Amino acid sequence: RRNYTPPLTPSPFLFQLPGDDAELRLILVGKSGGGKSPTGNTILGRKEFESVVSAKTTTLRCQRGQGSWQGRTVYVVDTPAMFDTDDYTEIVRREILACVNFSQPGPHALILVTQVGRFTAEDAVAAKCVRDIFGPESTHHTVVLFTCVEDLGGTPLQEYVRNTDNRNLQEVIWRCGNRFCGFNNRAVGAERTRQVSELMAIVRRTILENGRRHYVNRLYLEPNLRDAIIQVFLAENRNARKMDEKAGWSRKKIVVAAIITLCFVVTVYIIVNYLKCCLR
């Protein structure tokens, strides 16, 4: 089990961004139907993004909403089905371009949205696609946000995360530096404010941990971003990720083989010594 670090408890300080940014830029990422749009609405405090109960995504294009938090302008980018497969079609690449343009000069945090108790194989794929689309270093700027925390029935979210046996979820939480929080997207008033306060405290900590800077990759630095550049960027990140996954499996095989060998040696040693005792 990965080492567990509880998230920050929100404090009542006036929210101030480290560095010179006059605005806060957040991108909602994750699988389709995971609750990104209602999460964006909760952050902004109004129904900016369309959100209905549906088995399919209701967000077809990248959208940006503007709000404020303690005097600071906040931009939230809602994303469509960009993270469901690593087959990055022309339509997906078009939305990646829109996402980059909406979040220039770079996001302060990526908010990986998933439903509590339902981190599926599709969620694991989405987390990998986030790394492909934004680059492997993007995990240092990612916060995992669980929706439907009311379904925990009073169990603290920290306890749920600490005790989960979902290996994929453990891996994602670890890669994201144990940064997570939870939303009940039906909450209003003081409860909604408390939830957003917790998220903003974690985002602020994330900015501090990254040298008081927002996230940037090659796409944000390209003055004339084109589809061909996006294709190369995606291919490089996807290939690097798959090589890393293969290396990880190889390391696991070596460890398993070493354990089996050790068990065999110990077993033989015990049997030999037992036979020696019997022959005396």
Foldseek 3Di string as FASTA:
>chain_A
DDDADAADQFDPDQDDAFDDDQAAEEEEFFAAPFCRQLVVCLLQVHNPDDDDDDPGHPDQAWDWDWHDDSNGIYIYIYHHHLQQALPCDPSSLVRLLVVLVSRPLFHLAYEYGHAPPDCDPSRLSSLLSVCLSQNLVRLLRYAYEHEPPVVVVPPDPSVSLVPDPPPSSVVSCVSNVVHYAYDHSVDDDPRSVSRSSSVSVSSSVSCVVVVSDHDHDPQSVDPDDDSVVSVVSSVVSVVVVVVVVVVVVVVVVVVVVVVVVVVVVVVVVVVVVVVVVVVD
